[in-house]
Amino acid sequence: QVQLVESGGGLVQAGGSLRLACVVSGRTLSSYDMGWSRQAPGKEREFVASINWSGSSTDYRYSVKGRYTIPRDVAKSTVYLQMNSLNPENTAIYYCCADPAAGGEAFWGQGTQVTVSS
């Protein structure tokens, strides 16, 4: 059974930074395309960033390009979301997702709250 546990959320002032972490247990990180999504109050969940199973390719939501990165540490089975230059519009619950590279059901974490104050 694959489990994803996010951490690192919190309250930060506009212009600040946070680093979220998602620890994957049950399978090697290299088995999954990993991603982060977010859901703001009253809005639908939206894609933020992803990294493929080999770590060779990343993708970002247009509005976060240049501010967010999605590094990973395979040895620690952890994928991160480094968020810089945060603004209040980035306030949301951030979710980690593991999508099996070989196909099948994706797995989601429980989410971590990020709140950016103005």
PDB file of N, CA and C in Angstrom:
ATOM      1  N   GLN A   1       0.835  -1.181   0.000  1.00  0.00           N
ATOM      2  CA  GLN A   1       0.000   0.000   0.000  1.00  0.00           C
ATOM      3  C   GLN A   1       0.881   1.246   0.000  1.00  0.00           C
ATOM      4  N   VAL A   2       0.655   2.106  -0.957  1.00  0.00           N
ATOM      5  CA  VAL A   2       1.431   3.333  -1.079  1.00  0.00           C
ATOM      6  C   VAL A   2       0.803   4.411  -0.196  1.00  0.00           C
ATOM      7  N   GLN A   3       1.639   5.109   0.520  1.00  0.00           N
ATOM      8  CA  GLN A   3       1.171   6.236   1.340  1.00  0.00           C
ATOM      9  C   GLN A   3       2.015   7.468   1.036  1.00  0.00           C
ATOM     10  N   LEU A   4       1.356   8.609   1.005  1.00  0.00           N
ATOM     11  CA  LEU A   4       2.015   9.881   0.783  1.00  0.00           C
ATOM     12  C   LEU A   4       1.716  10.777   1.984  1.00  0.00           C
ATOM     13  N   VAL A   5       2.753  11.354   2.539  1.00  0.00           N
ATOM     14  CA  VAL A   5       2.584  12.229   3.689  1.00  0.00           C
ATOM     15  C   VAL A   5       3.270  13.558   3.393  1.00  0.00           C
ATOM     16  N   GLU A   6       2.448  14.620   3.349  1.00  0.00           N
ATOM     17  CA  GLU A   6       2.975  15.946   3.083  1.00  0.00           C
ATOM     18  C   GLU A   6       3.292  16.667   4.389  1.00  0.00           C
ATOM     19  N   SER A   7       4.212  17.590   4.300  1.00  0.00           N
ATOM     20  CA  SER A   7       4.554  18.440   5.437  1.00  0.00           C
ATOM     21  C   SER A   7       5.153  19.732   4.908  1.00  0.00           C
ATOM     22  N   GLY A   8       5.331  20.687   5.811  1.00  0.00           N
ATOM     23  CA  GLY A   8       6.002  21.926   5.441  1.00  0.00           C
ATOM     24  C   GLY A   8       5.104  23.122   5.234  1.00  0.00           C
ATOM     25  N   GLY A   9       3.804  22.904   5.281  1.00  0.00           N
ATOM     26  CA  GLY A   9       2.902  24.035   5.118  1.00  0.00           C
ATOM     27  C   GLY A   9       2.925  24.938   6.334  1.00  0.00           C
ATOM     28  N   GLY A  10       2.277  26.078   6.201  1.00  0.00           N
ATOM     29  CA  GLY A  10       2.229  27.019   7.309  1.00  0.00           C
ATOM     30  C   GLY A  10       1.827  28.397   6.860  1.00  0.00           C
ATOM     31  N   LEU A  11       2.055  29.356   7.732  1.00  0.00           N
ATOM     32  CA  LEU A  11       1.730  30.757   7.470  1.00  0.00           C
ATOM     33  C   LEU A  11       3.009  31.506   7.123  1.00  0.00           C
ATOM     34  N   VAL A  12       2.969  32.243   6.032  1.00  0.00           N
ATOM     35  CA  VAL A  12       4.134  33.008   5.599  1.00  0.00           C
ATOM     36  C   VAL A  12       3.668  34.357   5.054  1.00  0.00           C
ATOM     37  N   GLN A  13       4.504  35.357   5.178  1.00  0.00           N
ATOM     38  CA  GLN A  13       4.155  36.665   4.634  1.00  0.00           C
ATOM     39  C   GLN A  13       4.413  36.710   3.138  1.00  0.00           C
ATOM     40  N   ALA A  14       3.700  37.575   2.482  1.00  0.00           N
ATOM     41  CA  ALA A  14       3.910  37.760   1.044  1.00  0.00           C
ATOM     42  C   ALA A  14       5.372  38.072   0.763  1.00  0.00           C
ATOM     43  N   GLY A  15       5.889  37.437  -0.280  1.00  0.00           N
ATOM     44  CA  GLY A  15       7.288  37.578  -0.631  1.00  0.00           C
ATOM     45  C   GLY A  15       8.173  36.520  -0.021  1.00  0.00           C
ATOM     46  N   GLY A  16       7.638  35.760   0.908  1.00  0.00           N
ATOM     47  CA  GLY A  16       8.400  34.729   1.588  1.00  0.00           C
ATOM     48  C   GLY A  16       8.458  33.419   0.825  1.00  0.00           C
ATOM     49  N   SER A  17       9.066  32.432   1.455  1.00  0.00           N
ATOM     50  CA  SER A  17       9.269  31.124   0.843  1.00  0.00           C
ATOM     51  C   SER A  17       8.839  30.009   1.778  1.00  0.00           C
ATOM     52  N   LEU A  18       8.457  28.909   1.185  1.00  0.00           N
ATOM     53  CA  LEU A  18       8.177  27.676   1.918  1.00  0.00           C
ATOM     54  C   LEU A  18       8.663  26.508   1.090  1.00  0.00           C
ATOM     55  N   ARG A  19       9.041  25.441   1.767  1.00  0.00           N
ATOM     56  CA  ARG A  19       9.367  24.202   1.078  1.00  0.00           C
ATOM     57  C   ARG A  19       8.483  23.100   1.624  1.00  0.00           C
ATOM     58  N   LEU A  20       7.657  22.564   0.754  1.00  0.00           N
ATOM     59  CA  LEU A  20       6.820  21.435   1.098  1.00  0.00           C
ATOM     60  C   LEU A  20       7.561  20.142   0.807  1.00  0.00           C
ATOM     61  N   ALA A  21       7.257  19.110   1.581  1.00  0.00           N
ATOM     62  CA  ALA A  21       7.854  17.801   1.367  1.00  0.00           C
ATOM     63  C   ALA A  21       6.757  16.747   1.299  1.00  0.00           C
ATOM     64  N   CYS A  22       6.975  15.744   0.486  1.00  0.00           N
ATOM     65  CA  CYS A  22       6.046  14.624   0.348  1.00  0.00           C
ATOM     66  C   CYS A  22       6.865  13.342   0.402  1.00  0.00           C
ATOM     67  N   VAL A  23       6.664  12.590   1.465  1.00  0.00           N
ATOM     68  CA  VAL A  23       7.366  11.328   1.621  1.00  0.00           C
ATOM     69  C   VAL A  23       6.488  10.194   1.113  1.00  0.00           C
ATOM     70  N   VAL A  24       7.037   9.384   0.242  1.00  0.00           N
ATOM     71  CA  VAL A  24       6.325   8.263  -0.355  1.00  0.00           C
ATOM     72  C   VAL A  24       6.811   6.970   0.280  1.00  0.00           C
ATOM     73  N   SER A  25       5.889   6.195   0.797  1.00  0.00           N
ATOM     74  CA  SER A  25       6.250   4.910   1.379  1.00  0.00           C
ATOM     75  C   SER A  25       5.535   3.802   0.630  1.00  0.00           C
ATOM     76  N   GLY A  26       6.148   2.650   0.584  1.00  0.00           N
ATOM     77  CA  GLY A  26       5.526   1.499  -0.033  1.00  0.00           C
ATOM     78  C   GLY A  26       6.143   1.100  -1.366  1.00  0.00           C
ATOM     79  N   ARG A  27       6.633   2.082  -2.115  1.00  0.00           N
ATOM     80  CA  ARG A  27       7.282   1.796  -3.392  1.00  0.00           C
ATOM     81  C   ARG A  27       8.392   2.818  -3.612  1.00  0.00           C
ATOM     82  N   THR A  28       9.302   2.477  -4.500  1.00  0.00           N
ATOM     83  CA  THR A  28      10.364   3.411  -4.815  1.00  0.00           C
ATOM     84  C   THR A  28       9.828   4.628  -5.568  1.00  0.00           C
ATOM     85  N   LEU A  29      10.399   5.756  -5.283  1.00  0.00           N
ATOM     86  CA  LEU A  29       9.957   6.996  -5.913  1.00  0.00           C
ATOM     87  C   LEU A  29      10.079   6.938  -7.431  1.00  0.00           C
ATOM     88  N   SER A  30      11.038   6.177  -7.925  1.00  0.00           N
ATOM     89  CA  SER A  30      11.268   6.077  -9.365  1.00  0.00           C
ATOM     90  C   SER A  30      10.161   5.333 -10.102  1.00  0.00           C
ATOM     91  N   SER A  31       9.203   4.803  -9.365  1.00  0.00           N
ATOM     92  CA  SER A  31       8.077   4.120 -10.000  1.00  0.00           C
ATOM     93  C   SER A  31       6.966   5.086 -10.382  1.00  0.00           C
ATOM     94  N   TYR A  32       7.104   6.359  -9.981  1.00  0.00           N
ATOM     95  CA  TYR A  32       5.984   7.288 -10.121  1.00  0.00           C
ATOM     96  C   TYR A  32       6.373   8.593 -10.799  1.00  0.00           C
ATOM     97  N   ASP A  33       5.432   9.092 -11.552  1.00  0.00           N
ATOM     98  CA  ASP A  33       5.444  10.507 -11.908  1.00  0.00           C
ATOM     99  C   ASP A  33       4.843  11.222 -10.703  1.00  0.00           C
ATOM    100  N   MET A  34       5.548  12.199 -10.175  1.00  0.00           N
ATOM    101  CA  MET A  34       5.104  12.875  -8.958  1.00  0.00           C
ATOM    102  C   MET A  34       4.620  14.285  -9.284  1.00  0.00           C
ATOM    103  N   GLY A  35       3.628  14.718  -8.532  1.00  0.00           N
ATOM    104  CA  GLY A  35       3.114  16.047  -8.787  1.00  0.00           C
ATOM    105  C   GLY A  35       2.553  16.710  -7.550  1.00  0.00           C
ATOM    106  N   TRP A  36       2.381  18.011  -7.674  1.00  0.00           N
ATOM    107  CA  TRP A  36       1.721  18.811  -6.649  1.00  0.00           C
ATOM    108  C   TRP A  36       0.530  19.523  -7.290  1.00  0.00           C
ATOM    109  N   SER A  37      -0.571  19.518  -6.571  1.00  0.00           N
ATOM    110  CA  SER A  37      -1.752  20.280  -6.953  1.00  0.00           C
ATOM    111  C   SER A  37      -2.185  21.095  -5.749  1.00  0.00           C
ATOM    112  N   ARG A  38      -3.084  22.029  -5.966  1.00  0.00           N
ATOM    113  CA  ARG A  38      -3.567  22.837  -4.855  1.00  0.00           C
ATOM    114  C   ARG A  38      -5.042  23.141  -5.026  1.00  0.00           C
ATOM    115  N   GLN A  39      -5.683  23.404  -3.912  1.00  0.00           N
ATOM    116  CA  GLN A  39      -7.096  23.764  -3.939  1.00  0.00           C
ATOM    117  C   GLN A  39      -7.321  24.925  -2.986  1.00  0.00           C
ATOM    118  N   ALA A  40      -7.700  26.041  -3.552  1.00  0.00           N
ATOM    119  CA  ALA A  40      -8.019  27.224  -2.762  1.00  0.00           C
ATOM    120  C   ALA A  40      -9.490  27.182  -2.350  1.00  0.00           C
ATOM    121  N   PRO A  41      -9.850  27.895  -1.305  1.00  0.00           N
ATOM    122  CA  PRO A  41     -11.244  27.886  -0.842  1.00  0.00           C
ATOM    123  C   PRO A  41     -12.213  28.279  -1.956  1.00  0.00           C
ATOM    124  N   GLY A  42     -13.220  27.458  -2.157  1.00  0.00           N
ATOM    125  CA  GLY A  42     -14.239  27.744  -3.148  1.00  0.00           C
ATOM    126  C   GLY A  42     -13.824  27.506  -4.583  1.00  0.00           C
ATOM    127  N   LYS A  43     -12.641  26.934  -4.774  1.00  0.00           N
ATOM    128  CA  LYS A  43     -12.160  26.693  -6.133  1.00  0.00           C
ATOM    129  C   LYS A  43     -11.860  25.218  -6.340  1.00  0.00           C
ATOM    130  N   GLU A  44     -11.719  24.833  -7.603  1.00  0.00           N
ATOM    131  CA  GLU A  44     -11.381  23.458  -7.914  1.00  0.00           C
ATOM    132  C   GLU A  44      -9.878  23.225  -7.738  1.00  0.00           C
ATOM    133  N   ARG A  45      -9.538  21.961  -7.537  1.00  0.00           N
ATOM    134  CA  ARG A  45      -8.130  21.607  -7.436  1.00  0.00           C
ATOM    135  C   ARG A  45      -7.442  21.849  -8.786  1.00  0.00           C
ATOM    136  N   GLU A  46      -6.232  22.392  -8.733  1.00  0.00           N
ATOM    137  CA  GLU A  46      -5.520  22.692  -9.956  1.00  0.00           C
ATOM    138  C   GLU A  46      -4.083  22.204  -9.899  1.00  0.00           C
ATOM    139  N   PHE A  47      -3.568  21.891 -11.047  1.00  0.00           N
ATOM    140  CA  PHE A  47      -2.192  21.418 -11.193  1.00  0.00           C
ATOM    141  C   PHE A  47      -1.220  22.545 -10.852  1.00  0.00           C
ATOM    142  N   VAL A  48      -0.122  22.175 -10.182  1.00  0.00           N
ATOM    143  CA  VAL A  48       0.911  23.155  -9.862  1.00  0.00           C
ATOM    144  C   VAL A  48       2.241  22.783 -10.507  1.00  0.00           C
ATOM    145  N   ALA A  49       2.707  21.556 -10.267  1.00  0.00           N
ATOM    146  CA  ALA A  49       4.014  21.157 -10.784  1.00  0.00           C
ATOM    147  C   ALA A  49       4.104  19.641 -10.817  1.00  0.00           C
ATOM    148  N   SER A  50       4.999  19.132 -11.673  1.00  0.00           N
ATOM    149  CA  SER A  50       5.204  17.690 -11.741  1.00  0.00           C
ATOM    150  C   SER A  50       6.633  17.386 -12.145  1.00  0.00           C
ATOM    151  N   ILE A  51       7.044  16.165 -11.808  1.00  0.00           N
ATOM    152  CA  ILE A  51       8.346  15.651 -12.229  1.00  0.00           C
ATOM    153  C   ILE A  51       8.136  14.198 -12.624  1.00  0.00           C
ATOM    154  N   ASN A  52       8.744  13.802 -13.743  1.00  0.00           N
ATOM    155  CA  ASN A  52       8.466  12.456 -14.230  1.00  0.00           C
ATOM    156  C   ASN A  52       9.251  11.416 -13.430  1.00  0.00           C
ATOM    157  N   TRP A  53       8.976  10.162 -13.721  1.00  0.00           N
ATOM    158  CA  TRP A  53       9.511   9.064 -12.916  1.00  0.00           C
ATOM    159  C   TRP A  53      11.039   9.025 -12.903  1.00  0.00           C
ATOM    160  N   SER A  54      11.664   9.460 -13.986  1.00  0.00           N
ATOM    161  CA  SER A  54      13.125   9.408 -14.066  1.00  0.00           C
ATOM    162  C   SER A  54      13.776  10.688 -13.561  1.00  0.00           C
ATOM    163  N   GLY A  55      12.970  11.693 -13.305  1.00  0.00           N
ATOM    164  CA  GLY A  55      13.529  12.966 -12.885  1.00  0.00           C
ATOM    165  C   GLY A  55      14.076  13.799 -14.020  1.00  0.00           C
ATOM    166  N   SER A  56      13.842  13.380 -15.231  1.00  0.00           N
ATOM    167  CA  SER A  56      14.423  14.052 -16.391  1.00  0.00           C
ATOM    168  C   SER A  56      13.564  15.194 -16.918  1.00  0.00           C
ATOM    169  N   SER A  57      12.338  15.277 -16.450  1.00  0.00           N
ATOM    170  CA  SER A  57      11.416  16.275 -17.001  1.00  0.00           C
ATOM    171  C   SER A  57      10.539  16.842 -15.901  1.00  0.00           C
ATOM    172  N   THR A  58      10.365  18.141 -15.924  1.00  0.00           N
ATOM    173  CA  THR A  58       9.465  18.810 -14.997  1.00  0.00           C
ATOM    174  C   THR A  58       8.486  19.682 -15.767  1.00  0.00           C
ATOM    175  N   ASP A  59       7.389  19.992 -15.127  1.00  0.00           N
ATOM    176  CA  ASP A  59       6.375  20.845 -15.733  1.00  0.00           C
ATOM    177  C   ASP A  59       5.777  21.712 -14.639  1.00  0.00           C
ATOM    178  N   TYR A  60       5.393  22.923 -15.013  1.00  0.00           N
ATOM    179  CA  TYR A  60       4.878  23.871 -14.021  1.00  0.00           C
ATOM    180  C   TYR A  60       3.665  24.609 -14.559  1.00  0.00           C
ATOM    181  N   ARG A  61       2.808  24.934 -13.645  1.00  0.00           N
ATOM    182  CA  ARG A  61       1.724  25.834 -13.976  1.00  0.00           C
ATOM    183  C   ARG A  61       2.338  27.163 -14.389  1.00  0.00           C
ATOM    184  N   TYR A  62       1.759  27.793 -15.385  1.00  0.00           N
ATOM    185  CA  TYR A  62       2.368  29.002 -15.924  1.00  0.00           C
ATOM    186  C   TYR A  62       2.599  30.056 -14.845  1.00  0.00           C
ATOM    187  N   SER A  63       1.643  30.203 -13.949  1.00  0.00           N
ATOM    188  CA  SER A  63       1.716  31.289 -12.967  1.00  0.00           C
ATOM    189  C   SER A  63       2.799  31.080 -11.913  1.00  0.00           C
ATOM    190  N   VAL A  64       3.360  29.873 -11.828  1.00  0.00           N
ATOM    191  CA  VAL A  64       4.388  29.619 -10.814  1.00  0.00           C
ATOM    192  C   VAL A  64       5.768  29.428 -11.425  1.00  0.00           C
ATOM    193  N   LYS A  65       5.848  29.426 -12.730  1.00  0.00           N
ATOM    194  CA  LYS A  65       7.151  29.241 -13.383  1.00  0.00           C
ATOM    195  C   LYS A  65       8.120  30.326 -12.956  1.00  0.00           C
ATOM    196  N   GLY A  66       9.321  29.906 -12.637  1.00  0.00           N
ATOM    197  CA  GLY A  66      10.336  30.844 -12.180  1.00  0.00           C
ATOM    198  C   GLY A  66      10.298  31.089 -10.685  1.00  0.00           C
ATOM    199  N   ARG A  67       9.204  30.674 -10.031  1.00  0.00           N
ATOM    200  CA  ARG A  67       9.096  30.858  -8.572  1.00  0.00           C
ATOM    201  C   ARG A  67       9.084  29.536  -7.822  1.00  0.00           C
ATOM    202  N   TYR A  68       8.532  28.503  -8.424  1.00  0.00           N
ATOM    203  CA  TYR A  68       8.451  27.198  -7.796  1.00  0.00           C
ATOM    204  C   TYR A  68       9.394  26.218  -8.498  1.00  0.00           C
ATOM    205  N   THR A  69       9.932  25.287  -7.731  1.00  0.00           N
ATOM    206  CA  THR A  69      10.651  24.163  -8.313  1.00  0.00           C
ATOM    207  C   THR A  69      10.208  22.876  -7.608  1.00  0.00           C
ATOM    208  N   ILE A  70      10.433  21.744  -8.284  1.00  0.00           N
ATOM    209  CA  ILE A  70       9.993  20.448  -7.756  1.00  0.00           C
ATOM    210  C   ILE A  70      11.162  19.480  -7.763  1.00  0.00           C
ATOM    211  N   PRO A  71      12.100  19.643  -6.834  1.00  0.00           N
ATOM    212  CA  PRO A  71      13.189  18.688  -6.750  1.00  0.00           C
ATOM    213  C   PRO A  71      12.757  17.413  -6.032  1.00  0.00           C
ATOM    214  N   ARG A  72      13.558  16.385  -6.168  1.00  0.00           N
ATOM    215  CA  ARG A  72      13.243  15.152  -5.469  1.00  0.00           C
ATOM    216  C   ARG A  72      14.522  14.513  -4.956  1.00  0.00           C
ATOM    217  N   ASP A  73      14.390  13.664  -3.953  1.00  0.00           N
ATOM    218  CA  ASP A  73      15.495  12.905  -3.385  1.00  0.00           C
ATOM    219  C   ASP A  73      15.050  11.449  -3.368  1.00  0.00           C
ATOM    220  N   VAL A  74      15.512  10.686  -4.338  1.00  0.00           N
ATOM    221  CA  VAL A  74      15.064   9.304  -4.471  1.00  0.00           C
ATOM    222  C   VAL A  74      15.477   8.487  -3.253  1.00  0.00           C
ATOM    223  N   ALA A  75      16.664   8.726  -2.735  1.00  0.00           N
ATOM    224  CA  ALA A  75      17.147   7.964  -1.577  1.00  0.00           C
ATOM    225  C   ALA A  75      16.260   8.176  -0.355  1.00  0.00           C
ATOM    226  N   LYS A  76      15.660   9.356  -0.261  1.00  0.00           N
ATOM    227  CA  LYS A  76      14.765   9.655   0.857  1.00  0.00           C
ATOM    228  C   LYS A  76      13.305   9.464   0.497  1.00  0.00           C
ATOM    229  N   SER A  77      13.058   9.018  -0.722  1.00  0.00           N
ATOM    230  CA  SER A  77      11.680   8.811  -1.199  1.00  0.00           C
ATOM    231  C   SER A  77      10.836  10.063  -0.985  1.00  0.00           C
ATOM    232  N   THR A  78      11.427  11.187  -1.275  1.00  0.00           N
ATOM    233  CA  THR A  78      10.777  12.455  -0.984  1.00  0.00           C
ATOM    234  C   THR A  78      10.808  13.366  -2.208  1.00  0.00           C
ATOM    235  N   VAL A  79       9.686  13.979  -2.462  1.00  0.00           N
ATOM    236  CA  VAL A  79       9.617  15.024  -3.487  1.00  0.00           C
ATOM    237  C   VAL A  79       9.250  16.317  -2.781  1.00  0.00           C
ATOM    238  N   TYR A  80       9.826  17.400  -3.240  1.00  0.00           N
ATOM    239  CA  TYR A  80       9.636  18.688  -2.599  1.00  0.00           C
ATOM    240  C   TYR A  80       8.927  19.657  -3.540  1.00  0.00           C
ATOM    241  N   LEU A  81       8.383  20.685  -2.946  1.00  0.00           N
ATOM    242  CA  LEU A  81       7.902  21.821  -3.720  1.00  0.00           C
ATOM    243  C   LEU A  81       8.495  23.066  -3.061  1.00  0.00           C
ATOM    244  N   GLN A  82       9.485  23.626  -3.710  1.00  0.00           N
ATOM    245  CA  GLN A  82      10.101  24.849  -3.228  1.00  0.00           C
ATOM    246  C   GLN A  82       9.340  26.031  -3.795  1.00  0.00           C
ATOM    247  N   MET A  83       8.775  26.836  -2.922  1.00  0.00           N
ATOM    248  CA  MET A  83       7.937  27.949  -3.346  1.00  0.00           C
ATOM    249  C   MET A  83       8.566  29.261  -2.888  1.00  0.00           C
ATOM    250  N   ASN A  84       8.877  30.109  -3.830  1.00  0.00           N
ATOM    251  CA  ASN A  84       9.477  31.404  -3.544  1.00  0.00           C
ATOM    252  C   ASN A  84       8.563  32.533  -4.004  1.00  0.00           C
ATOM    253  N   SER A  85       8.805  33.713  -3.480  1.00  0.00           N
ATOM    254  CA  SER A  85       8.029  34.909  -3.864  1.00  0.00           C
ATOM    255  C   SER A  85       6.534  34.641  -3.755  1.00  0.00           C
ATOM    256  N   LEU A  86       6.141  34.110  -2.641  1.00  0.00           N
ATOM    257  CA  LEU A  86       4.731  33.758  -2.451  1.00  0.00           C
ATOM    258  C   LEU A  86       3.864  35.004  -2.355  1.00  0.00           C
ATOM    259  N   ASN A  87       2.630  34.864  -2.787  1.00  0.00           N
ATOM    260  CA  ASN A  87       1.650  35.942  -2.679  1.00  0.00           C
ATOM    261  C   ASN A  87       0.331  35.365  -2.163  1.00  0.00           C
ATOM    262  N   PRO A  88      -0.556  36.216  -1.688  1.00  0.00           N
ATOM    263  CA  PRO A  88      -1.798  35.707  -1.079  1.00  0.00           C
ATOM    264  C   PRO A  88      -2.614  34.798  -1.995  1.00  0.00           C
ATOM    265  N   GLU A  89      -2.480  34.975  -3.303  1.00  0.00           N
ATOM    266  CA  GLU A  89      -3.231  34.128  -4.236  1.00  0.00           C
ATOM    267  C   GLU A  89      -2.732  32.680  -4.219  1.00  0.00           C
ATOM    268  N   ASN A  90      -1.591  32.450  -3.618  1.00  0.00           N
ATOM    269  CA  ASN A  90      -1.057  31.097  -3.519  1.00  0.00           C
ATOM    270  C   ASN A  90      -1.603  30.345  -2.302  1.00  0.00           C
ATOM    271  N   THR A  91      -2.424  30.998  -1.512  1.00  0.00           N
ATOM    272  CA  THR A  91      -3.034  30.356  -0.352  1.00  0.00           C
ATOM    273  C   THR A  91      -3.930  29.222  -0.803  1.00  0.00           C
ATOM    274  N   ALA A  92      -3.692  28.029  -0.263  1.00  0.00           N
ATOM    275  CA  ALA A  92      -4.450  26.844  -0.666  1.00  0.00           C
ATOM    276  C   ALA A  92      -3.984  25.654   0.160  1.00  0.00           C
ATOM    277  N   ILE A  93      -4.717  24.571   0.018  1.00  0.00           N
ATOM    278  CA  ILE A  93      -4.230  23.288   0.500  1.00  0.00           C
ATOM    279  C   ILE A  93      -3.453  22.658  -0.655  1.00  0.00           C
ATOM    280  N   TYR A  94      -2.239  22.258  -0.372  1.00  0.00           N
ATOM    281  CA  TYR A  94      -1.380  21.673  -1.390  1.00  0.00           C
ATOM    282  C   TYR A  94      -1.343  20.159  -1.202  1.00  0.00           C
ATOM    283  N   TYR A  95      -1.582  19.463  -2.305  1.00  0.00           N
ATOM    284  CA  TYR A  95      -1.646  18.009  -2.289  1.00  0.00           C
ATOM    285  C   TYR A  95      -0.538  17.414  -3.143  1.00  0.00           C
ATOM    286  N   CYS A  96       0.023  16.335  -2.650  1.00  0.00           N
ATOM    287  CA  CYS A  96       1.019  15.561  -3.389  1.00  0.00           C
ATOM    288  C   CYS A  96       0.321  14.387  -4.061  1.00  0.00           C
ATOM    289  N   CYS A  97       0.790  14.051  -5.251  1.00  0.00           N
ATOM    290  CA  CYS A  97       0.191  12.960  -6.016  1.00  0.00           C
ATOM    291  C   CYS A  97       1.290  12.066  -6.579  1.00  0.00           C
ATOM    292  N   ALA A  98       1.060  10.770  -6.540  1.00  0.00           N
ATOM    293  CA  ALA A  98       1.972   9.792  -7.141  1.00  0.00           C
ATOM    294  C   ALA A  98       1.198   9.028  -8.199  1.00  0.00           C
ATOM    295  N   ASP A  99       1.612   9.181  -9.435  1.00  0.00           N
ATOM    296  CA  ASP A  99       0.943   8.552 -10.569  1.00  0.00           C
ATOM    297  C   ASP A  99       1.857   7.455 -11.104  1.00  0.00           C
ATOM    298  N   PRO A 100       1.460   6.194 -10.984  1.00  0.00           N
ATOM    299  CA  PRO A 100       2.351   5.114 -11.400  1.00  0.00           C
ATOM    300  C   PRO A 100       2.786   5.248 -12.858  1.00  0.00           C
ATOM    301  N   ALA A 101       4.067   5.196 -13.100  1.00  0.00           N
ATOM    302  CA  ALA A 101       4.574   5.329 -14.462  1.00  0.00           C
ATOM    303  C   ALA A 101       4.118   4.175 -15.353  1.00  0.00           C
ATOM    304  N   ALA A 102       3.849   3.029 -14.751  1.00  0.00           N
ATOM    305  CA  ALA A 102       3.407   1.864 -15.520  1.00  0.00           C
ATOM    306  C   ALA A 102       1.892   1.824 -15.695  1.00  0.00           C
ATOM    307  N   GLY A 103       1.200   2.845 -15.200  1.00  0.00           N
ATOM    308  CA  GLY A 103      -0.252   2.893 -15.303  1.00  0.00           C
ATOM    309  C   GLY A 103      -0.930   2.445 -14.026  1.00  0.00           C
ATOM    310  N   GLY A 104      -2.199   2.734 -13.916  1.00  0.00           N
ATOM    311  CA  GLY A 104      -2.933   2.353 -12.727  1.00  0.00           C
ATOM    312  C   GLY A 104      -3.383   3.551 -11.920  1.00  0.00           C
ATOM    313  N   GLU A 105      -3.940   3.282 -10.790  1.00  0.00           N
ATOM    314  CA  GLU A 105      -4.520   4.313  -9.945  1.00  0.00           C
ATOM    315  C   GLU A 105      -3.462   5.230  -9.348  1.00  0.00           C
ATOM    316  N   ALA A 106      -3.763   6.516  -9.326  1.00  0.00           N
ATOM    317  CA  ALA A 106      -2.884   7.484  -8.692  1.00  0.00           C
ATOM    318  C   ALA A 106      -3.200   7.555  -7.204  1.00  0.00           C
ATOM    319  N   PHE A 107      -2.207   7.981  -6.443  1.00  0.00           N
ATOM    320  CA  PHE A 107      -2.357   8.091  -5.004  1.00  0.00           C
ATOM    321  C   PHE A 107      -2.182   9.546  -4.593  1.00  0.00           C
ATOM    322  N   TRP A 108      -2.944   9.936  -3.564  1.00  0.00           N
ATOM    323  CA  TRP A 108      -2.906  11.321  -3.092  1.00  0.00           C
ATOM    324  C   TRP A 108      -2.587  11.369  -1.606  1.00  0.00           C
ATOM    325  N   GLY A 109      -1.909  12.424  -1.212  1.00  0.00           N
ATOM    326  CA  GLY A 109      -1.694  12.675   0.198  1.00  0.00           C
ATOM    327  C   GLY A 109      -2.878  13.408   0.808  1.00  0.00           C
ATOM    328  N   GLN A 110      -2.766  13.705   2.088  1.00  0.00           N
ATOM    329  CA  GLN A 110      -3.878  14.322   2.805  1.00  0.00           C
ATOM    330  C   GLN A 110      -3.888  15.841   2.654  1.00  0.00           C
ATOM    331  N   GLY A 111      -2.811  16.394   2.158  1.00  0.00           N
ATOM    332  CA  GLY A 111      -2.741  17.832   1.930  1.00  0.00           C
ATOM    333  C   GLY A 111      -2.079  18.570   3.078  1.00  0.00           C
ATOM    334  N   THR A 112      -1.512  19.714   2.751  1.00  0.00           N
ATOM    335  CA  THR A 112      -0.914  20.585   3.756  1.00  0.00           C
ATOM    336  C   THR A 112      -1.310  22.025   3.441  1.00  0.00           C
ATOM    337  N   GLN A 113      -1.717  22.753   4.460  1.00  0.00           N
ATOM    338  CA  GLN A 113      -2.231  24.103   4.270  1.00  0.00           C
ATOM    339  C   GLN A 113      -1.098  25.110   4.138  1.00  0.00           C
ATOM    340  N   VAL A 114      -1.202  25.928   3.114  1.00  0.00           N
ATOM    341  CA  VAL A 114      -0.284  27.053   2.926  1.00  0.00           C
ATOM    342  C   VAL A 114      -1.120  28.335   2.959  1.00  0.00           C
ATOM    343  N   THR A 115      -0.753  29.240   3.837  1.00  0.00           N
ATOM    344  CA  THR A 115      -1.447  30.510   3.943  1.00  0.00           C
ATOM    345  C   THR A 115      -0.444  31.645   3.802  1.00  0.00           C
ATOM    346  N   VAL A 116      -0.712  32.518   2.849  1.00  0.00           N
ATOM    347  CA  VAL A 116       0.181  33.648   2.592  1.00  0.00           C
ATOM    348  C   VAL A 116      -0.551  34.932   2.971  1.00  0.00           C
ATOM    349  N   SER A 117       0.014  35.655   3.914  1.00  0.00           N
ATOM    350  CA  SER A 117      -0.618  36.891   4.371  1.00  0.00           C
ATOM    351  C   SER A 117      -0.041  38.088   3.620  1.00  0.00           C
ATOM    352  N   SER A 118      -0.885  39.094   3.456  1.00  0.00           N
ATOM    353  CA  SER A 118      -0.441  40.289   2.715  1.00  0.00           C
ATOM    354  C   SER A 118       0.222  41.304   3.626  1.00  0.00           C
TER     355      SER A 118
END
